[in-house]
Amino acid sequence: MRVVLEFDLPDDEYDFQAAINGKKLKGISYDYDEKLRTIIKYNDLTDEEYQTYQKCRDMFREMFYDENLFIQQ
């Protein structure tokens, strides 16, 4: 299957940038999620710190799931 996207520039500049930078944004999202996981798993955190990091990671992932996006490499 082949897909062609067309944009009217400069009017559609925002959508164009979103389309061409999607892979980069996905990579950054994955890296950020992994950094949070590493902090949670390998650092000696207080219970409060652990809960805070875990809540941030859960909220971050939930925002993706709500849009049918998944953080995977």
Protein backbone atom coordinates (compact mmCIF):
# COMPACT_ATOMS: atom_id res chain seq x y z
CA MET A 1 0.00 0.00 0.00
CA ARG A 2 1.20 3.49 -0.77
CA VAL A 3 0.03 6.66 0.97
CA VAL A 4 0.62 10.18 -0.24
CA LEU A 5 0.12 13.16 2.05
CA GLU A 6 -0.35 16.61 0.61
CA PHE A 7 -0.04 19.93 2.41
CA ASP A 8 -0.75 23.50 1.40
CA LEU A 9 2.29 25.33 2.69
CA PRO A 10 2.63 27.65 4.50
CA ASP A 11 -1.01 27.30 5.67
CA ASP A 12 -0.56 23.67 6.76
CA GLU A 13 2.95 24.11 8.21
CA TYR A 14 1.97 22.78 11.66
CA ASP A 15 0.41 19.60 10.24
CA PHE A 16 3.35 19.15 7.86
CA GLN A 17 5.86 19.39 10.71
CA ALA A 18 3.82 16.95 12.79
CA ALA A 19 3.80 14.46 9.90
CA ILE A 20 7.52 14.62 9.14
CA ASN A 21 8.61 14.63 12.80
CA GLY A 22 6.36 11.82 14.04
CA LYS A 23 9.17 9.26 14.20
CA LYS A 24 11.37 11.62 16.22
CA LEU A 25 8.54 12.37 18.63
CA LYS A 26 7.86 8.67 19.07
CA GLY A 27 11.54 8.06 19.84
CA ILE A 28 11.68 10.88 22.38
CA SER A 29 8.51 9.58 24.04
CA TYR A 30 9.99 6.09 24.29
CA ASP A 31 13.27 7.42 25.70
CA TYR A 32 11.46 9.55 28.29
CA ASP A 33 9.31 6.60 29.40
CA GLU A 34 12.45 4.45 29.70
CA LYS A 35 14.21 7.10 31.78
CA LEU A 36 11.29 7.18 34.20
CA ARG A 37 11.29 3.36 34.35
CA THR A 38 15.03 3.33 35.06
CA ILE A 39 14.68 5.89 37.85
CA ILE A 40 11.86 3.89 39.43
CA LYS A 41 13.59 0.53 39.09
CA TYR A 42 17.22 1.27 39.88
CA ASN A 43 17.34 4.29 42.19
CA ASP A 44 17.04 4.12 45.95
CA LEU A 45 13.87 6.22 46.24
CA THR A 46 11.79 7.11 49.23
CA ASP A 47 8.20 5.89 49.11
CA GLU A 48 7.06 9.41 48.27
CA GLU A 49 9.60 9.74 45.44
CA TYR A 50 8.64 6.32 44.09
CA GLN A 51 4.94 7.21 44.11
CA THR A 52 5.61 10.55 42.40
CA TYR A 53 7.72 9.05 39.60
CA GLN A 54 5.29 6.19 39.12
CA LYS A 55 2.32 8.56 38.96
CA CYS A 56 4.11 10.70 36.36
CA ARG A 57 4.92 7.64 34.26
CA ASP A 58 1.36 6.33 34.52
CA MET A 59 -0.11 9.69 33.50
CA PHE A 60 2.33 9.97 30.59
CA ARG A 61 1.45 6.50 29.29
CA GLU A 62 -2.27 7.05 29.84
CA MET A 63 -2.17 10.14 27.61
CA PHE A 64 -0.83 7.96 24.79
CA TYR A 65 -3.27 5.12 25.36
CA ASP A 66 -6.19 7.56 25.35
CA GLU A 67 -5.20 8.48 21.78
CA ASN A 68 -4.63 4.83 20.72
CA LEU A 69 -0.87 5.43 20.65
CA PHE A 70 1.57 3.07 22.26
CA ILE A 71 5.06 3.68 23.57
CA GLN A 72 7.14 0.95 21.99
CA GLN A 73 10.48 0.85 20.27
